[in-house]
């Protein structure tokens, strides 16, 4: 395990999606963190939820479907991703 500023850096699990990896890393940071770390994570989570709840439905869709451009006349979709 790596150490930075006398604190362990969480391991990132190579399996699973990037969102899952991120959430696992934050969970590990919270479980192993001191009170300041826990407050910082809780504050960031709360602010994120407040921002998300203030979005209009159109803004939410744009965040969940980036690359889609909608106008009153047409909709442009991004090209499909190449799979290997």
N, C-alpha and C. Protein backbone atom coordinates (compact mmCIF):
# COMPACT_ATOMS: atom_id res chain seq x y z
N UNK A 1 0.84 -1.17 0.00
CA UNK A 1 0.00 0.00 0.00
C UNK A 1 0.89 1.24 0.00
N UNK A 2 0.53 2.21 -0.84
CA UNK A 2 1.28 3.46 -0.91
C UNK A 2 0.89 4.38 0.24
N UNK A 3 1.83 5.22 0.67
CA UNK A 3 1.58 6.16 1.76
C UNK A 3 1.86 7.57 1.24
N UNK A 4 0.96 8.50 1.54
CA UNK A 4 1.14 9.91 1.18
C UNK A 4 0.75 10.76 2.38
N UNK A 5 1.63 11.64 2.81
CA UNK A 5 1.37 12.48 3.99
C UNK A 5 0.95 11.64 5.19
N UNK A 6 1.67 10.57 5.43
CA UNK A 6 1.42 9.67 6.56
C UNK A 6 0.06 8.97 6.50
N UNK A 7 -0.59 8.97 5.33
CA UNK A 7 -1.87 8.29 5.19
C UNK A 7 -1.78 7.31 4.03
N UNK A 8 -2.42 6.15 4.18
CA UNK A 8 -2.39 5.19 3.08
C UNK A 8 -3.24 5.66 1.90
N UNK A 9 -2.76 5.40 0.69
CA UNK A 9 -3.52 5.70 -0.51
C UNK A 9 -4.31 4.45 -0.85
N UNK A 10 -5.64 4.58 -1.06
CA UNK A 10 -6.46 3.40 -1.32
C UNK A 10 -6.03 2.69 -2.60
N UNK A 11 -6.17 1.38 -2.59
CA UNK A 11 -5.92 0.58 -3.78
C UNK A 11 -7.12 0.72 -4.71
N UNK A 12 -6.86 0.75 -6.02
CA UNK A 12 -7.94 0.82 -6.99
C UNK A 12 -8.12 -0.57 -7.58
N UNK A 13 -9.32 -1.10 -7.44
CA UNK A 13 -9.64 -2.43 -7.94
C UNK A 13 -9.72 -2.39 -9.47
N UNK A 14 -8.94 -3.20 -10.17
CA UNK A 14 -8.95 -3.15 -11.64
C UNK A 14 -10.22 -3.72 -12.26
N UNK A 15 -11.03 -4.46 -11.50
CA UNK A 15 -12.26 -5.01 -12.05
C UNK A 15 -13.40 -4.01 -11.84
N UNK A 16 -14.45 -4.12 -12.63
CA UNK A 16 -15.60 -3.25 -12.48
C UNK A 16 -15.48 -1.97 -13.28
N UNK A 17 -16.56 -1.19 -13.32
CA UNK A 17 -16.58 0.06 -14.07
C UNK A 17 -15.88 1.17 -13.33
N UNK A 18 -15.63 2.27 -14.03
CA UNK A 18 -14.89 3.38 -13.42
C UNK A 18 -15.68 4.02 -12.28
N UNK A 19 -17.01 4.10 -12.40
CA UNK A 19 -17.82 4.67 -11.33
C UNK A 19 -17.73 3.79 -10.09
N UNK A 20 -17.79 2.49 -10.30
CA UNK A 20 -17.69 1.55 -9.18
C UNK A 20 -16.31 1.65 -8.52
N UNK A 21 -15.27 1.76 -9.32
CA UNK A 21 -13.92 1.90 -8.79
C UNK A 21 -13.81 3.16 -7.93
N UNK A 22 -14.36 4.25 -8.46
CA UNK A 22 -14.30 5.51 -7.73
C UNK A 22 -15.05 5.42 -6.40
N UNK A 23 -16.25 4.85 -6.43
CA UNK A 23 -17.04 4.75 -5.20
C UNK A 23 -16.35 3.85 -4.18
N UNK A 24 -15.73 2.77 -4.64
CA UNK A 24 -14.99 1.89 -3.72
C UNK A 24 -13.80 2.63 -3.10
N UNK A 25 -13.11 3.44 -3.91
CA UNK A 25 -11.97 4.19 -3.41
C UNK A 25 -12.43 5.21 -2.36
N UNK A 26 -13.52 5.92 -2.63
CA UNK A 26 -14.03 6.91 -1.67
C UNK A 26 -14.48 6.22 -0.39
N UNK A 27 -15.14 5.08 -0.52
CA UNK A 27 -15.58 4.33 0.65
C UNK A 27 -14.38 3.92 1.51
N UNK A 28 -13.32 3.46 0.87
CA UNK A 28 -12.12 3.06 1.60
C UNK A 28 -11.48 4.28 2.28
N UNK A 29 -11.45 5.41 1.56
CA UNK A 29 -10.90 6.63 2.15
C UNK A 29 -11.71 7.04 3.38
N UNK A 30 -13.04 6.93 3.29
CA UNK A 30 -13.90 7.32 4.39
C UNK A 30 -13.69 6.39 5.59
N UNK A 31 -13.66 5.08 5.33
CA UNK A 31 -13.49 4.11 6.42
C UNK A 31 -12.16 4.27 7.13
N UNK A 32 -11.11 4.57 6.37
CA UNK A 32 -9.77 4.66 6.95
C UNK A 32 -9.36 6.09 7.31
N UNK A 33 -10.21 7.05 7.00
CA UNK A 33 -9.84 8.45 7.21
C UNK A 33 -10.09 8.94 8.62
N UNK A 34 -9.47 10.06 8.93
CA UNK A 34 -9.70 10.69 10.22
C UNK A 34 -10.98 11.54 10.15
N UNK A 35 -11.28 12.25 11.22
CA UNK A 35 -12.52 13.04 11.27
C UNK A 35 -12.55 14.12 10.19
N UNK A 36 -11.40 14.74 9.91
CA UNK A 36 -11.35 15.78 8.87
C UNK A 36 -11.67 15.19 7.50
N UNK A 37 -11.14 14.02 7.21
CA UNK A 37 -11.40 13.35 5.94
C UNK A 37 -12.88 13.02 5.81
N UNK A 38 -13.47 12.50 6.88
CA UNK A 38 -14.89 12.15 6.86
C UNK A 38 -15.76 13.38 6.66
N UNK A 39 -15.42 14.49 7.30
CA UNK A 39 -16.17 15.73 7.11
C UNK A 39 -16.05 16.23 5.68
N UNK A 40 -14.84 16.17 5.10
CA UNK A 40 -14.63 16.64 3.74
C UNK A 40 -15.44 15.81 2.74
N UNK A 41 -15.44 14.49 2.92
CA UNK A 41 -16.21 13.62 2.02
C UNK A 41 -17.70 13.88 2.17
N UNK A 42 -18.17 14.01 3.40
CA UNK A 42 -19.60 14.28 3.64
C UNK A 42 -20.01 15.62 3.04
N UNK A 43 -19.16 16.63 3.17
CA UNK A 43 -19.46 17.95 2.62
C UNK A 43 -19.53 17.90 1.09
N UNK A 44 -18.56 17.23 0.47
CA UNK A 44 -18.55 17.12 -0.99
C UNK A 44 -19.78 16.36 -1.48
N UNK A 45 -20.15 15.30 -0.78
CA UNK A 45 -21.32 14.51 -1.16
C UNK A 45 -22.59 15.35 -1.06
N UNK A 46 -22.74 16.09 0.04
CA UNK A 46 -23.91 16.92 0.23
C UNK A 46 -24.01 18.00 -0.84
N UNK A 47 -22.90 18.68 -1.12
CA UNK A 47 -22.90 19.72 -2.14
C UNK A 47 -23.23 19.15 -3.52
N UNK A 48 -22.72 17.98 -3.81
CA UNK A 48 -23.01 17.34 -5.09
C UNK A 48 -24.49 17.03 -5.22
N UNK A 49 -25.09 16.48 -4.16
CA UNK A 49 -26.52 16.16 -4.19
C UNK A 49 -27.37 17.41 -4.31
N UNK A 50 -26.97 18.51 -3.64
CA UNK A 50 -27.71 19.76 -3.73
C UNK A 50 -27.67 20.31 -5.16
N UNK A 51 -26.50 20.25 -5.78
CA UNK A 51 -26.37 20.71 -7.16
C UNK A 51 -27.22 19.88 -8.10
N UNK A 52 -27.17 18.57 -7.93
CA UNK A 52 -27.93 17.67 -8.81
C UNK A 52 -29.43 17.90 -8.67
N UNK A 53 -29.91 18.17 -7.47
CA UNK A 53 -31.35 18.37 -7.29
C UNK A 53 -31.81 19.71 -7.85
N UNK A 54 -30.89 20.66 -8.04
CA UNK A 54 -31.24 21.97 -8.57
C UNK A 54 -31.26 21.99 -10.11
N UNK A 55 -30.81 20.93 -10.76
CA UNK A 55 -30.77 20.89 -12.22
C UNK A 55 -32.16 20.70 -12.82
N UNK A 56 -32.36 21.26 -14.00
CA UNK A 56 -33.60 21.02 -14.74
C UNK A 56 -33.52 19.63 -15.37
N UNK A 57 -34.64 19.07 -15.79
CA UNK A 57 -34.60 17.75 -16.44
C UNK A 57 -33.70 17.74 -17.69
N UNK A 58 -33.69 18.83 -18.44
CA UNK A 58 -32.84 18.91 -19.63
C UNK A 58 -31.36 18.88 -19.25
N UNK A 59 -31.00 19.59 -18.19
CA UNK A 59 -29.61 19.60 -17.74
C UNK A 59 -29.19 18.22 -17.24
N UNK A 60 -30.10 17.53 -16.52
CA UNK A 60 -29.81 16.17 -16.04
C UNK A 60 -29.55 15.22 -17.20
N UNK A 61 -30.40 15.33 -18.25
CA UNK A 61 -30.22 14.45 -19.39
C UNK A 61 -28.90 14.73 -20.09
N UNK A 62 -28.52 16.00 -20.19
CA UNK A 62 -27.25 16.35 -20.82
C UNK A 62 -26.08 15.76 -20.04
N UNK A 63 -26.18 15.72 -18.72
CA UNK A 63 -25.11 15.14 -17.90
C UNK A 63 -25.04 13.63 -18.06
N UNK A 64 -26.19 12.97 -18.18
CA UNK A 64 -26.19 11.52 -18.29
C UNK A 64 -25.92 11.05 -19.71
N UNK A 65 -26.15 11.92 -20.70
CA UNK A 65 -25.92 11.57 -22.10
C UNK A 65 -25.03 12.63 -22.75
N UNK A 66 -23.78 12.76 -22.32
CA UNK A 66 -22.92 13.78 -22.91
C UNK A 66 -22.66 13.47 -24.38
N UNK A 67 -22.54 14.50 -25.15
CA UNK A 67 -22.28 14.32 -26.57
C UNK A 67 -23.54 14.39 -27.41
N UNK A 68 -24.70 14.32 -26.80
CA UNK A 68 -25.95 14.44 -27.55
C UNK A 68 -26.32 15.92 -27.59
N UNK A 69 -26.51 16.42 -28.80
CA UNK A 69 -26.86 17.82 -29.00
C UNK A 69 -28.29 17.89 -29.51
N UNK A 70 -29.16 18.55 -28.76
CA UNK A 70 -30.55 18.66 -29.15
C UNK A 70 -30.87 20.12 -29.48
N UNK A 71 -31.54 20.33 -30.60
CA UNK A 71 -32.06 21.64 -30.96
C UNK A 71 -33.54 21.47 -31.24
N UNK A 72 -34.21 22.56 -31.55
CA UNK A 72 -35.64 22.45 -31.85
C UNK A 72 -35.89 21.73 -33.17
N UNK A 73 -34.86 21.68 -34.04
CA UNK A 73 -35.03 21.07 -35.35
C UNK A 73 -34.47 19.65 -35.47
N UNK A 74 -33.42 19.33 -34.71
CA UNK A 74 -32.78 18.03 -34.89
C UNK A 74 -32.02 17.63 -33.63
N UNK A 75 -31.59 16.36 -33.61
CA UNK A 75 -30.77 15.81 -32.52
C UNK A 75 -29.55 15.15 -33.15
N UNK A 76 -28.37 15.48 -32.63
CA UNK A 76 -27.13 14.88 -33.11
C UNK A 76 -26.61 13.95 -32.02
N UNK A 77 -26.36 12.70 -32.40
CA UNK A 77 -25.82 11.71 -31.47
C UNK A 77 -24.34 11.50 -31.77
N UNK A 78 -23.54 11.24 -30.75
CA UNK A 78 -22.12 10.97 -31.00
C UNK A 78 -21.96 9.64 -31.72
N UNK A 79 -20.84 9.47 -32.43
CA UNK A 79 -20.62 8.18 -33.10
C UNK A 79 -20.47 7.07 -32.07
N UNK A 80 -20.82 5.85 -32.42
CA UNK A 80 -20.67 4.74 -31.47
C UNK A 80 -19.21 4.51 -31.12
N UNK A 81 -18.98 4.04 -29.92
CA UNK A 81 -17.62 3.75 -29.47
C UNK A 81 -17.16 2.44 -30.10
N UNK A 82 -15.87 2.42 -30.43
CA UNK A 82 -15.30 1.21 -30.98
C UNK A 82 -15.04 0.22 -29.85
N UNK A 83 -15.38 -1.03 -30.10
CA UNK A 83 -15.10 -2.07 -29.11
C UNK A 83 -13.99 -2.96 -29.65
N UNK A 84 -13.14 -3.42 -28.75
CA UNK A 84 -12.04 -4.27 -29.22
C UNK A 84 -12.31 -5.70 -28.94
